[in-house]
Amino acid sequence: MSDMVNVKINGFAVQVPKGSSVLEAARAASVTIPTLCYLKDINEIGACRMCMVEAAEMRGPNLGPARMVAACVYPVSEGMEVTTNSPKVLDSRRKTMELLLSNHDMKCLSCVRSKNCELQRLANDLGITDADVFKGERTEYAIDDSAAHMIRDNNKCILCRRCVAACAVTQGIGVIGANERGFITNIGSQFNKGLGETACVSCGQCITVCPTGALSEKDY
């Protein structure tokens, strides 16, 4: 039995190893699928939903109906056909971004990550402006500057959990995680202590992987 799988990405045939994700197959075909939470082998959880695509799989001898799947975690199958740029996919992508921005501090001009922000760049690529963002209740957080080396601003956090994975998987420390549930979910330490009161080793891995300005180094 072959260890390779034949799939089509936007009509282009590509052969990838069995067990590959749709995202990996797309990258093998030089097709870009946007992601915000994905870090290969570190954070593959499909949390941000920016990588949603339409995938149709074989049902017996015929191709089944296309359905929306998260490309970063959904495995390819023989004969699968994936569409990454259909109107349905683009609409899903835009709505997801609008929801993320609706609870995001959008003071981009004064942000340390302005012009070097994955969220900002993707919003620009999707043509989303302030006028497109949903208006409504927002959560507000105090800035945590208790750590010697960094500032944590949860008002800019998009809950991608990349920092959580970097701390736990890369460094093996695990001082941060998801607190609360639903609308008030936030990333922080146990009992929401300041990072300066935790076992944080000031490695900076969380800052490196953060896609926004939620985590930044202090200016000395």
N, C-alpha and C. Protein backbone atom coordinates (compact mmCIF):
# COMPACT_ATOMS: atom_id res chain seq x y z
N MET A 1 0.84 -1.20 0.00
CA MET A 1 0.00 0.00 0.00
C MET A 1 0.88 1.25 0.00
N SER A 2 0.53 2.23 -0.84
CA SER A 2 1.33 3.44 -0.96
C SER A 2 1.25 4.28 0.30
N ASP A 3 2.37 4.92 0.62
CA ASP A 3 2.41 5.83 1.76
C ASP A 3 2.13 7.26 1.32
N MET A 4 1.76 7.44 0.05
CA MET A 4 1.46 8.76 -0.48
C MET A 4 -0.02 8.87 -0.82
N VAL A 5 -0.53 10.09 -0.77
CA VAL A 5 -1.94 10.36 -1.05
C VAL A 5 -2.03 11.41 -2.15
N ASN A 6 -2.93 11.19 -3.10
CA ASN A 6 -3.14 12.13 -4.20
C ASN A 6 -4.34 13.02 -3.91
N VAL A 7 -4.12 14.32 -3.90
CA VAL A 7 -5.21 15.27 -3.65
C VAL A 7 -5.11 16.41 -4.65
N LYS A 8 -6.16 17.21 -4.73
CA LYS A 8 -6.15 18.40 -5.57
C LYS A 8 -6.41 19.63 -4.70
N ILE A 9 -5.57 20.64 -4.87
CA ILE A 9 -5.72 21.90 -4.16
C ILE A 9 -6.02 22.98 -5.20
N ASN A 10 -7.22 23.50 -5.18
CA ASN A 10 -7.65 24.49 -6.18
C ASN A 10 -7.44 23.98 -7.60
N GLY A 11 -7.65 22.68 -7.78
CA GLY A 11 -7.53 22.08 -9.10
C GLY A 11 -6.15 21.58 -9.44
N PHE A 12 -5.15 21.89 -8.62
CA PHE A 12 -3.79 21.45 -8.88
C PHE A 12 -3.52 20.13 -8.15
N ALA A 13 -3.03 19.14 -8.89
CA ALA A 13 -2.75 17.84 -8.30
C ALA A 13 -1.46 17.89 -7.50
N VAL A 14 -1.49 17.27 -6.33
CA VAL A 14 -0.29 17.20 -5.49
C VAL A 14 -0.30 15.87 -4.75
N GLN A 15 0.87 15.32 -4.54
CA GLN A 15 1.01 14.06 -3.82
C GLN A 15 1.76 14.33 -2.51
N VAL A 16 1.16 13.92 -1.42
CA VAL A 16 1.76 14.19 -0.10
C VAL A 16 1.74 12.91 0.74
N PRO A 17 2.56 12.84 1.78
CA PRO A 17 2.57 11.65 2.64
C PRO A 17 1.23 11.45 3.34
N LYS A 18 0.84 10.20 3.48
CA LYS A 18 -0.39 9.87 4.22
C LYS A 18 -0.29 10.43 5.63
N GLY A 19 -1.37 11.00 6.11
CA GLY A 19 -1.36 11.60 7.44
C GLY A 19 -1.09 13.09 7.43
N SER A 20 -0.74 13.63 6.25
CA SER A 20 -0.51 15.07 6.15
C SER A 20 -1.81 15.82 6.37
N SER A 21 -1.71 17.04 6.86
CA SER A 21 -2.90 17.88 6.99
C SER A 21 -3.18 18.57 5.66
N VAL A 22 -4.38 19.09 5.52
CA VAL A 22 -4.74 19.86 4.32
C VAL A 22 -3.80 21.05 4.17
N LEU A 23 -3.44 21.67 5.29
CA LEU A 23 -2.53 22.82 5.24
C LEU A 23 -1.17 22.42 4.68
N GLU A 24 -0.65 21.29 5.11
CA GLU A 24 0.64 20.82 4.60
C GLU A 24 0.55 20.49 3.12
N ALA A 25 -0.57 19.92 2.68
CA ALA A 25 -0.76 19.62 1.27
C ALA A 25 -0.82 20.91 0.45
N ALA A 26 -1.49 21.91 0.97
CA ALA A 26 -1.58 23.20 0.28
C ALA A 26 -0.21 23.83 0.14
N ARG A 27 0.57 23.78 1.19
CA ARG A 27 1.92 24.36 1.13
C ARG A 27 2.80 23.61 0.16
N ALA A 28 2.59 22.29 0.05
CA ALA A 28 3.34 21.50 -0.92
C ALA A 28 2.99 21.92 -2.34
N ALA A 29 1.76 22.43 -2.53
CA ALA A 29 1.31 22.90 -3.84
C ALA A 29 1.55 24.40 -4.01
N SER A 30 2.28 25.01 -3.07
CA SER A 30 2.57 26.46 -3.09
C SER A 30 1.31 27.30 -3.04
N VAL A 31 0.31 26.80 -2.32
CA VAL A 31 -0.95 27.53 -2.12
C VAL A 31 -0.97 28.03 -0.67
N THR A 32 -1.21 29.32 -0.51
CA THR A 32 -1.20 29.92 0.82
C THR A 32 -2.57 29.84 1.48
N ILE A 33 -2.61 29.31 2.68
CA ILE A 33 -3.81 29.32 3.52
C ILE A 33 -3.43 30.09 4.78
N PRO A 34 -4.14 31.15 5.12
CA PRO A 34 -3.77 31.95 6.29
C PRO A 34 -3.98 31.20 7.59
N THR A 35 -3.10 31.42 8.54
CA THR A 35 -3.23 30.85 9.88
C THR A 35 -2.82 31.90 10.91
N LEU A 36 -3.35 31.76 12.11
CA LEU A 36 -2.93 32.62 13.22
C LEU A 36 -2.49 31.81 14.43
N CYS A 37 -3.09 30.65 14.64
CA CYS A 37 -2.75 29.86 15.83
C CYS A 37 -1.73 28.76 15.55
N TYR A 38 -1.49 28.43 14.30
CA TYR A 38 -0.71 27.25 13.93
C TYR A 38 0.79 27.44 14.13
N LEU A 39 1.40 26.50 14.83
CA LEU A 39 2.85 26.37 14.90
C LEU A 39 3.15 24.89 14.72
N LYS A 40 3.81 24.53 13.65
CA LYS A 40 4.02 23.12 13.33
C LYS A 40 4.69 22.37 14.47
N ASP A 41 4.09 21.25 14.83
CA ASP A 41 4.57 20.34 15.89
C ASP A 41 4.51 20.95 17.29
N ILE A 42 4.03 22.18 17.40
CA ILE A 42 3.97 22.83 18.71
C ILE A 42 2.54 23.20 19.07
N ASN A 43 1.85 23.85 18.14
CA ASN A 43 0.46 24.28 18.41
C ASN A 43 -0.39 24.00 17.17
N GLU A 44 -0.94 22.81 17.11
CA GLU A 44 -1.79 22.40 15.98
C GLU A 44 -3.16 22.07 16.55
N ILE A 45 -3.95 23.11 16.82
CA ILE A 45 -5.21 22.92 17.55
C ILE A 45 -6.43 23.46 16.81
N GLY A 46 -6.25 24.12 15.69
CA GLY A 46 -7.40 24.63 14.93
C GLY A 46 -8.24 25.64 15.68
N ALA A 47 -7.61 26.45 16.54
CA ALA A 47 -8.37 27.35 17.40
C ALA A 47 -8.85 28.61 16.70
N CYS A 48 -8.04 29.18 15.83
CA CYS A 48 -8.38 30.50 15.28
C CYS A 48 -9.41 30.43 14.16
N ARG A 49 -9.50 29.31 13.48
CA ARG A 49 -10.45 29.06 12.38
C ARG A 49 -10.18 29.92 11.15
N MET A 50 -9.02 30.55 11.07
CA MET A 50 -8.69 31.32 9.88
C MET A 50 -8.35 30.42 8.70
N CYS A 51 -8.01 29.18 8.96
CA CYS A 51 -7.57 28.28 7.90
C CYS A 51 -8.70 27.43 7.32
N MET A 52 -9.94 27.82 7.56
CA MET A 52 -11.06 27.05 7.04
C MET A 52 -11.04 27.00 5.51
N VAL A 53 -11.27 25.81 4.96
CA VAL A 53 -11.33 25.60 3.51
C VAL A 53 -12.50 24.66 3.21
N GLU A 54 -12.83 24.53 1.94
CA GLU A 54 -13.83 23.55 1.52
C GLU A 54 -13.11 22.29 1.05
N ALA A 55 -13.50 21.14 1.58
CA ALA A 55 -12.88 19.88 1.20
C ALA A 55 -13.95 18.86 0.84
N ALA A 56 -13.78 18.24 -0.31
CA ALA A 56 -14.67 17.17 -0.76
C ALA A 56 -13.89 15.87 -0.77
N GLU A 57 -14.44 14.83 -0.14
CA GLU A 57 -13.75 13.55 -0.05
C GLU A 57 -14.49 12.48 -0.85
N MET A 58 -13.76 11.45 -1.23
CA MET A 58 -14.35 10.35 -1.98
C MET A 58 -15.33 9.58 -1.10
N ARG A 59 -16.50 9.29 -1.65
CA ARG A 59 -17.50 8.44 -1.00
C ARG A 59 -17.75 7.27 -1.94
N GLY A 60 -17.00 6.19 -1.72
CA GLY A 60 -17.04 5.09 -2.67
C GLY A 60 -16.38 5.54 -3.96
N PRO A 61 -17.03 5.30 -5.11
CA PRO A 61 -16.42 5.70 -6.38
C PRO A 61 -16.63 7.17 -6.73
N ASN A 62 -17.45 7.87 -5.95
CA ASN A 62 -17.80 9.25 -6.29
C ASN A 62 -17.26 10.24 -5.26
N LEU A 63 -17.13 11.48 -5.72
CA LEU A 63 -16.70 12.56 -4.84
C LEU A 63 -17.89 13.07 -4.05
N GLY A 64 -17.76 13.12 -2.74
CA GLY A 64 -18.85 13.58 -1.89
C GLY A 64 -18.97 15.09 -1.89
N PRO A 65 -19.95 15.62 -1.18
CA PRO A 65 -20.15 17.07 -1.11
C PRO A 65 -19.03 17.75 -0.34
N ALA A 66 -18.72 18.98 -0.73
CA ALA A 66 -17.69 19.74 -0.04
C ALA A 66 -18.21 20.23 1.31
N ARG A 67 -17.34 20.25 2.30
CA ARG A 67 -17.71 20.80 3.60
C ARG A 67 -16.54 21.59 4.16
N MET A 68 -16.85 22.49 5.07
CA MET A 68 -15.82 23.35 5.65
C MET A 68 -15.03 22.59 6.71
N VAL A 69 -13.70 22.65 6.60
CA VAL A 69 -12.83 22.00 7.58
C VAL A 69 -11.67 22.93 7.92
N ALA A 70 -11.07 22.72 9.09
CA ALA A 70 -9.89 23.49 9.49
C ALA A 70 -8.66 22.83 8.88
N ALA A 71 -8.01 23.52 7.97
CA ALA A 71 -6.92 22.93 7.19
C ALA A 71 -5.73 22.49 8.03
N CYS A 72 -5.49 23.16 9.15
CA CYS A 72 -4.28 22.86 9.92
C CYS A 72 -4.37 21.54 10.68
N VAL A 73 -5.58 21.04 10.90
CA VAL A 73 -5.73 19.80 11.67
C VAL A 73 -6.46 18.69 10.91
N TYR A 74 -7.04 19.01 9.76
CA TYR A 74 -7.82 18.00 9.04
C TYR A 74 -6.90 17.20 8.11
N PRO A 75 -6.90 15.86 8.21
CA PRO A 75 -6.01 15.04 7.38
C PRO A 75 -6.53 14.88 5.96
N VAL A 76 -5.60 14.78 5.03
CA VAL A 76 -5.97 14.54 3.64
C VAL A 76 -6.37 13.08 3.46
N SER A 77 -7.10 12.81 2.39
CA SER A 77 -7.46 11.44 2.04
C SER A 77 -7.35 11.30 0.53
N GLU A 78 -7.21 10.08 0.07
CA GLU A 78 -7.03 9.82 -1.36
C GLU A 78 -8.20 10.40 -2.17
N GLY A 79 -7.85 11.18 -3.19
CA GLY A 79 -8.86 11.75 -4.08
C GLY A 79 -9.52 13.02 -3.57
N MET A 80 -9.13 13.49 -2.40
CA MET A 80 -9.74 14.71 -1.84
C MET A 80 -9.51 15.91 -2.77
N GLU A 81 -10.52 16.76 -2.85
CA GLU A 81 -10.40 18.01 -3.61
C GLU A 81 -10.68 19.18 -2.67
N VAL A 82 -9.72 20.09 -2.60
CA VAL A 82 -9.77 21.20 -1.66
C VAL A 82 -9.86 22.53 -2.41
N THR A 83 -10.72 23.40 -1.93
CA THR A 83 -10.83 24.75 -2.48
C THR A 83 -10.53 25.74 -1.36
N THR A 84 -9.55 26.59 -1.59
CA THR A 84 -9.12 27.52 -0.54
C THR A 84 -9.59 28.95 -0.76
N ASN A 85 -10.23 29.22 -1.89
CA ASN A 85 -10.56 30.61 -2.23
C ASN A 85 -11.98 30.78 -2.75
N SER A 86 -12.89 29.89 -2.38
CA SER A 86 -14.28 30.01 -2.83
C SER A 86 -14.95 31.16 -2.08
N PRO A 87 -16.06 31.69 -2.61
CA PRO A 87 -16.79 32.76 -1.89
C PRO A 87 -17.15 32.36 -0.47
N LYS A 88 -17.53 31.10 -0.26
CA LYS A 88 -17.89 30.63 1.08
C LYS A 88 -16.69 30.68 2.02
N VAL A 89 -15.54 30.27 1.53
CA VAL A 89 -14.32 30.28 2.33
C VAL A 89 -13.91 31.71 2.67
N LEU A 90 -13.91 32.58 1.67
CA LEU A 90 -13.50 33.97 1.89
C LEU A 90 -14.45 34.69 2.84
N ASP A 91 -15.75 34.38 2.74
CA ASP A 91 -16.72 34.98 3.65
C ASP A 91 -16.48 34.51 5.08
N SER A 92 -16.19 33.23 5.25
CA SER A 92 -15.89 32.69 6.58
C SER A 92 -14.66 33.35 7.16
N ARG A 93 -13.65 33.52 6.32
CA ARG A 93 -12.39 34.12 6.76
C ARG A 93 -12.61 35.56 7.23
N ARG A 94 -13.38 36.31 6.45
CA ARG A 94 -13.65 37.70 6.81
C ARG A 94 -14.44 37.80 8.11
N LYS A 95 -15.46 36.98 8.27
CA LYS A 95 -16.28 37.04 9.49
C LYS A 95 -15.46 36.64 10.72
N THR A 96 -14.58 35.67 10.56
CA THR A 96 -13.72 35.27 11.67
C THR A 96 -12.81 36.42 12.07
N MET A 97 -12.23 37.09 11.08
CA MET A 97 -11.37 38.22 11.37
C MET A 97 -12.14 39.37 12.03
N GLU A 98 -13.34 39.63 11.54
CA GLU A 98 -14.16 40.70 12.13
C GLU A 98 -14.47 40.41 13.59
N LEU A 99 -14.73 39.14 13.91
CA LEU A 99 -15.01 38.76 15.29
C LEU A 99 -13.76 38.91 16.17
N LEU A 100 -12.61 38.53 15.64
CA LEU A 100 -11.37 38.69 16.39
C LEU A 100 -11.11 40.17 16.69
N LEU A 101 -11.31 41.00 15.69
CA LEU A 101 -11.04 42.43 15.87
C LEU A 101 -12.06 43.11 16.77
N SER A 102 -13.25 42.53 16.88
CA SER A 102 -14.29 43.16 17.70
C SER A 102 -13.93 43.17 19.18
N ASN A 103 -13.00 42.31 19.58
CA ASN A 103 -12.57 42.27 20.97
C ASN A 103 -11.06 42.50 21.07
N HIS A 104 -10.56 43.33 20.17
CA HIS A 104 -9.12 43.59 20.08
C HIS A 104 -8.85 45.08 20.17
N ASP A 105 -7.84 45.46 20.94
CA ASP A 105 -7.42 46.86 21.04
C ASP A 105 -6.78 47.25 19.71
N MET A 106 -7.47 48.07 18.93
CA MET A 106 -7.02 48.38 17.58
C MET A 106 -6.26 49.71 17.48
N LYS A 107 -5.53 50.03 18.52
CA LYS A 107 -4.67 51.23 18.47
C LYS A 107 -3.36 50.86 17.78
N CYS A 108 -3.47 50.53 16.50
CA CYS A 108 -2.33 49.98 15.76
C CYS A 108 -1.16 50.96 15.64
N LEU A 109 -1.45 52.24 15.45
CA LEU A 109 -0.39 53.21 15.22
C LEU A 109 0.56 53.33 16.41
N SER A 110 0.04 53.10 17.61
CA SER A 110 0.89 53.21 18.80
C SER A 110 1.36 51.85 19.32
N CYS A 111 1.04 50.79 18.60
CA CYS A 111 1.40 49.44 19.03
C CYS A 111 2.84 49.12 18.63
N VAL A 112 3.56 48.41 19.50
CA VAL A 112 4.96 48.06 19.21
C VAL A 112 5.08 47.12 18.02
N ARG A 113 4.00 46.43 17.67
CA ARG A 113 4.05 45.48 16.56
C ARG A 113 3.45 46.04 15.28
N SER A 114 3.12 47.31 15.24
CA SER A 114 2.54 47.89 14.03
C SER A 114 3.46 47.66 12.84
N LYS A 115 2.88 47.21 11.73
CA LYS A 115 3.60 46.87 10.49
C LYS A 115 4.41 45.58 10.62
N ASN A 116 4.39 44.97 11.81
CA ASN A 116 5.05 43.68 12.01
C ASN A 116 4.12 42.77 12.80
N CYS A 117 2.84 42.83 12.45
CA CYS A 117 1.79 42.13 13.18
C CYS A 117 1.04 41.20 12.23
N GLU A 118 0.97 39.93 12.56
CA GLU A 118 0.30 38.96 11.69
C GLU A 118 -1.19 39.27 11.57
N LEU A 119 -1.80 39.70 12.66
CA LEU A 119 -3.23 40.03 12.64
C LEU A 119 -3.49 41.23 11.75
N GLN A 120 -2.69 42.26 11.90
CA GLN A 120 -2.82 43.47 11.09
C GLN A 120 -2.63 43.16 9.60
N ARG A 121 -1.61 42.38 9.29
CA ARG A 121 -1.32 42.05 7.90
C ARG A 121 -2.46 41.25 7.27
N LEU A 122 -3.00 40.29 8.00
CA LEU A 122 -4.08 39.47 7.46
C LEU A 122 -5.36 40.28 7.30
N ALA A 123 -5.64 41.17 8.26
CA ALA A 123 -6.81 42.04 8.14
C ALA A 123 -6.69 42.93 6.90
N ASN A 124 -5.49 43.43 6.66
CA ASN A 124 -5.26 44.25 5.46
C ASN A 124 -5.45 43.42 4.20
N ASP A 125 -4.95 42.18 4.21
CA ASP A 125 -5.10 41.30 3.05
C ASP A 125 -6.57 41.04 2.74
N LEU A 126 -7.39 40.97 3.79
CA LEU A 126 -8.82 40.71 3.62
C LEU A 126 -9.62 41.98 3.36
N GLY A 127 -8.94 43.13 3.39
CA GLY A 127 -9.60 44.40 3.13
C GLY A 127 -10.53 44.84 4.23
N ILE A 128 -10.25 44.44 5.46
CA ILE A 128 -11.12 44.77 6.59
C ILE A 128 -10.65 46.06 7.25
N THR A 129 -11.59 46.97 7.48
CA THR A 129 -11.30 48.24 8.13
C THR A 129 -12.09 48.34 9.44
N ASP A 130 -11.88 49.44 10.17
CA ASP A 130 -12.60 49.64 11.43
C ASP A 130 -14.11 49.57 11.24
N ALA A 131 -14.58 50.03 10.08
CA ALA A 131 -16.02 50.08 9.83
C ALA A 131 -16.64 48.70 9.73
N ASP A 132 -15.81 47.67 9.45
CA ASP A 132 -16.33 46.31 9.30
C ASP A 132 -16.43 45.56 10.62
N VAL A 133 -15.83 46.09 11.66
CA VAL A 133 -15.74 45.37 12.92
C VAL A 133 -17.04 45.47 13.71
N PHE A 134 -17.46 44.33 14.27
CA PHE A 134 -18.69 44.30 15.05
C PHE A 134 -18.54 45.18 16.29
N LYS A 135 -19.58 45.96 16.58
CA LYS A 135 -19.57 46.81 17.77
C LYS A 135 -20.38 46.14 18.86
N GLY A 136 -19.89 46.16 20.06
CA GLY A 136 -20.62 45.53 21.16
C GLY A 136 -19.76 45.46 22.40
N GLU A 137 -20.14 44.61 23.32
CA GLU A 137 -19.42 44.49 24.59
C GLU A 137 -18.00 43.99 24.36
N ARG A 138 -17.07 44.53 25.13
CA ARG A 138 -15.68 44.11 25.06
C ARG A 138 -15.16 43.83 26.46
N THR A 139 -14.18 42.96 26.54
CA THR A 139 -13.51 42.73 27.82
C THR A 139 -12.30 43.66 27.91
N GLU A 140 -12.05 44.17 29.10
CA GLU A 140 -10.92 45.08 29.32
C GLU A 140 -10.00 44.46 30.38
N TYR A 141 -8.71 44.52 30.12
CA TYR A 141 -7.74 43.93 31.04
C TYR A 141 -6.67 44.94 31.44
N ALA A 142 -6.21 44.82 32.67
CA ALA A 142 -5.10 45.64 33.13
C ALA A 142 -3.80 45.11 32.52
N ILE A 143 -2.89 46.00 32.20
CA ILE A 143 -1.60 45.59 31.64
C ILE A 143 -0.73 45.00 32.75
N ASP A 144 -0.11 43.87 32.46
CA ASP A 144 0.76 43.19 33.43
C ASP A 144 2.22 43.49 33.09
N ASP A 145 2.87 44.30 33.91
CA ASP A 145 4.29 44.60 33.71
C ASP A 145 5.12 44.12 34.90
N SER A 146 4.61 43.10 35.59
CA SER A 146 5.28 42.60 36.80
C SER A 146 6.56 41.82 36.50
N ALA A 147 6.67 41.27 35.30
CA ALA A 147 7.88 40.52 34.93
C ALA A 147 9.00 41.49 34.59
N ALA A 148 10.23 41.07 34.83
CA ALA A 148 11.37 41.97 34.63
C ALA A 148 11.64 42.28 33.16
N HIS A 149 11.23 41.38 32.28
CA HIS A 149 11.66 41.49 30.88
C HIS A 149 10.55 41.80 29.89
N MET A 150 9.29 41.72 30.30
CA MET A 150 8.23 41.80 29.30
C MET A 150 6.97 42.47 29.83
N ILE A 151 6.13 42.88 28.87
CA ILE A 151 4.83 43.46 29.18
C ILE A 151 3.76 42.58 28.53
N ARG A 152 2.71 42.29 29.29
CA ARG A 152 1.61 41.45 28.78
C ARG A 152 0.35 42.30 28.73
N ASP A 153 -0.20 42.46 27.53
CA ASP A 153 -1.41 43.26 27.33
C ASP A 153 -2.49 42.37 26.72
N ASN A 154 -3.36 41.83 27.57
CA ASN A 154 -4.39 40.91 27.09
C ASN A 154 -5.46 41.58 26.24
N ASN A 155 -5.46 42.91 26.20
CA ASN A 155 -6.40 43.61 25.32
C ASN A 155 -6.05 43.40 23.85
N LYS A 156 -4.85 42.93 23.60
CA LYS A 156 -4.41 42.66 22.23
C LYS A 156 -4.31 41.17 21.94
N CYS A 157 -4.69 40.34 22.91
CA CYS A 157 -4.60 38.89 22.77
C CYS A 157 -5.76 38.35 21.93
N ILE A 158 -5.47 37.41 21.02
CA ILE A 158 -6.52 36.81 20.19
C ILE A 158 -6.77 35.34 20.58
N LEU A 159 -6.24 34.92 21.71
CA LEU A 159 -6.47 33.56 22.24
C LEU A 159 -5.99 32.46 21.30
N CYS A 160 -4.92 32.72 20.57
CA CYS A 160 -4.40 31.71 19.65
C CYS A 160 -3.69 30.57 20.39
N ARG A 161 -3.23 30.86 21.62
CA ARG A 161 -2.57 29.87 22.49
C ARG A 161 -1.17 29.49 22.01
N ARG A 162 -0.60 30.24 21.11
CA ARG A 162 0.77 29.96 20.69
C ARG A 162 1.75 30.16 21.85
N CYS A 163 1.52 31.19 22.66
CA CYS A 163 2.39 31.43 23.82
C CYS A 163 2.27 30.29 24.83
N VAL A 164 1.06 29.79 25.00
CA VAL A 164 0.82 28.69 25.94
C VAL A 164 1.63 27.46 25.50
N ALA A 165 1.58 27.16 24.20
CA ALA A 165 2.29 26.00 23.67
C ALA A 165 3.80 26.19 23.75
N ALA A 166 4.27 27.40 23.44
CA ALA A 166 5.71 27.66 23.49
C ALA A 166 6.24 27.48 24.90
N CYS A 167 5.48 27.96 25.88
CA CYS A 167 5.89 27.85 27.28
C CYS A 167 5.89 26.39 27.74
N ALA A 168 4.86 25.65 27.36
CA ALA A 168 4.72 24.27 27.83
C ALA A 168 5.54 23.28 27.02
N VAL A 169 5.49 23.40 25.69
CA VAL A 169 6.12 22.41 24.82
C VAL A 169 7.59 22.73 24.56
N THR A 170 7.86 23.96 24.16
CA THR A 170 9.24 24.33 23.82
C THR A 170 10.12 24.43 25.05
N GLN A 171 9.62 25.11 26.09
CA GLN A 171 10.43 25.34 27.28
C GLN A 171 10.16 24.34 28.42
N GLY A 172 9.00 23.69 28.38
CA GLY A 172 8.67 22.74 29.44
C GLY A 172 8.37 23.39 30.77
N ILE A 173 7.92 24.65 30.74
CA ILE A 173 7.64 25.38 31.98
C ILE A 173 6.14 25.36 32.28
N GLY A 174 5.34 25.87 31.35
CA GLY A 174 3.88 25.81 31.50
C GLY A 174 3.31 26.72 32.55
N VAL A 175 3.77 27.97 32.59
CA VAL A 175 3.24 28.89 33.62
C VAL A 175 1.99 29.63 33.16
N ILE A 176 1.65 29.54 31.89
CA ILE A 176 0.45 30.23 31.40
C ILE A 176 -0.49 29.24 30.72
N GLY A 177 -1.77 29.61 30.72
CA GLY A 177 -2.79 28.77 30.10
C GLY A 177 -4.06 29.56 29.96
N ALA A 178 -5.13 28.90 29.54
CA ALA A 178 -6.42 29.56 29.36
C ALA A 178 -7.18 29.57 30.68
N ASN A 179 -7.60 30.75 31.10
CA ASN A 179 -8.42 30.92 32.30
C ASN A 179 -9.85 31.27 31.92
N GLU A 180 -10.79 30.90 32.76
CA GLU A 180 -12.22 31.18 32.55
C GLU A 180 -12.74 30.44 31.31
N ARG A 181 -13.95 30.78 30.88
CA ARG A 181 -14.58 30.14 29.74
C ARG A 181 -15.41 31.16 28.97
N GLY A 182 -15.74 30.81 27.72
CA GLY A 182 -16.62 31.64 26.92
C GLY A 182 -16.06 33.02 26.64
N PHE A 183 -16.92 34.04 26.72
CA PHE A 183 -16.54 35.40 26.35
C PHE A 183 -15.42 35.96 27.22
N ILE A 184 -15.31 35.48 28.46
CA ILE A 184 -14.29 36.02 29.35
C ILE A 184 -13.03 35.15 29.41
N THR A 185 -12.89 34.23 28.47
CA THR A 185 -11.66 33.44 28.39
C THR A 185 -10.46 34.37 28.22
N ASN A 186 -9.41 34.10 28.95
CA ASN A 186 -8.19 34.90 28.81
C ASN A 186 -6.97 34.03 29.06
N ILE A 187 -5.85 34.47 28.54
CA ILE A 187 -4.59 33.76 28.73
C ILE A 187 -3.84 34.39 29.90
N GLY A 188 -3.46 33.56 30.85
CA GLY A 188 -2.75 34.09 32.00
C GLY A 188 -2.20 32.98 32.86
N SER A 189 -1.68 33.34 34.01
CA SER A 189 -1.12 32.37 34.93
C SER A 189 -2.22 31.80 35.83
N GLN A 190 -1.86 30.79 36.59
CA GLN A 190 -2.82 30.23 37.55
C GLN A 190 -3.21 31.31 38.56
N PHE A 191 -4.50 31.40 38.82
CA PHE A 191 -5.07 32.41 39.72
C PHE A 191 -4.84 33.84 39.20
N ASN A 192 -4.49 33.95 37.91
CA ASN A 192 -4.28 35.26 37.28
C ASN A 192 -3.25 36.12 38.00
N LYS A 193 -2.21 35.49 38.48
CA LYS A 193 -1.10 36.24 39.07
C LYS A 193 -0.31 36.93 37.97
N GLY A 194 0.40 38.00 38.32
CA GLY A 194 1.30 38.62 37.37
C GLY A 194 2.43 37.67 37.02
N LEU A 195 2.97 37.75 35.81
CA LEU A 195 4.03 36.82 35.41
C LEU A 195 5.25 36.94 36.32
N GLY A 196 5.44 38.11 36.92
CA GLY A 196 6.56 38.28 37.84
C GLY A 196 6.42 37.47 39.11
N GLU A 197 5.22 36.96 39.37
CA GLU A 197 4.97 36.16 40.57
C GLU A 197 4.94 34.67 40.26
N THR A 198 5.31 34.28 39.06
CA THR A 198 5.25 32.88 38.65
C THR A 198 6.66 32.32 38.45
N ALA A 199 6.72 31.08 37.96
CA ALA A 199 8.01 30.43 37.69
C ALA A 199 8.55 30.77 36.31
N CYS A 200 8.04 31.84 35.70
CA CYS A 200 8.54 32.29 34.40
C CYS A 200 10.05 32.48 34.45
N VAL A 201 10.76 31.94 33.43
CA VAL A 201 12.22 32.01 33.42
C VAL A 201 12.74 33.10 32.49
N SER A 202 11.84 33.95 31.99
CA SER A 202 12.22 35.09 31.15
C SER A 202 12.95 34.67 29.88
N CYS A 203 12.52 33.54 29.29
CA CYS A 203 13.18 33.05 28.08
C CYS A 203 12.79 33.83 26.83
N GLY A 204 11.59 34.41 26.84
CA GLY A 204 11.13 35.19 25.69
C GLY A 204 10.50 34.39 24.58
N GLN A 205 10.34 33.07 24.75
CA GLN A 205 9.75 32.25 23.70
C GLN A 205 8.32 32.68 23.40
N CYS A 206 7.57 33.06 24.42
CA CYS A 206 6.18 33.47 24.21
C CYS A 206 6.10 34.75 23.39
N ILE A 207 7.04 35.66 23.61
CA ILE A 207 7.08 36.91 22.84
C ILE A 207 7.37 36.60 21.37
N THR A 208 8.30 35.69 21.15
CA THR A 208 8.72 35.34 19.79
C THR A 208 7.56 34.80 18.95
N VAL A 209 6.69 34.00 19.55
CA VAL A 209 5.63 33.36 18.78
C VAL A 209 4.33 34.15 18.76
N CYS A 210 4.20 35.18 19.58
CA CYS A 210 2.95 35.95 19.63
C CYS A 210 2.70 36.65 18.30
N PRO A 211 1.52 36.48 17.69
CA PRO A 211 1.24 37.10 16.39
C PRO A 211 0.80 38.56 16.48
N THR A 212 0.60 39.07 17.69
CA THR A 212 0.13 40.44 17.88
C THR A 212 1.05 41.17 18.86
N GLY A 213 0.59 42.29 19.37
CA GLY A 213 1.36 43.04 20.35
C GLY A 213 0.99 42.70 21.78
N ALA A 214 0.36 41.56 22.00
CA ALA A 214 -0.07 41.18 23.35
C ALA A 214 1.11 40.93 24.28
N LEU A 215 2.22 40.48 23.72
CA LEU A 215 3.43 40.23 24.51
C LEU A 215 4.58 40.99 23.87
N SER A 216 5.28 41.76 24.66
CA SER A 216 6.38 42.55 24.11
C SER A 216 7.48 42.72 25.14
N GLU A 217 8.70 42.94 24.65
CA GLU A 217 9.83 43.15 25.55
C GLU A 217 9.78 44.56 26.14
N LYS A 218 10.29 44.68 27.34
CA LYS A 218 10.39 46.00 27.96
C LYS A 218 11.57 46.76 27.35
N ASP A 219 11.43 48.07 27.25
CA ASP A 219 12.54 48.92 26.82
C ASP A 219 13.34 49.31 28.05
N TYR A 220 14.62 49.01 28.02
CA TYR A 220 15.45 49.36 29.18
C TYR A 220 16.25 50.61 28.87
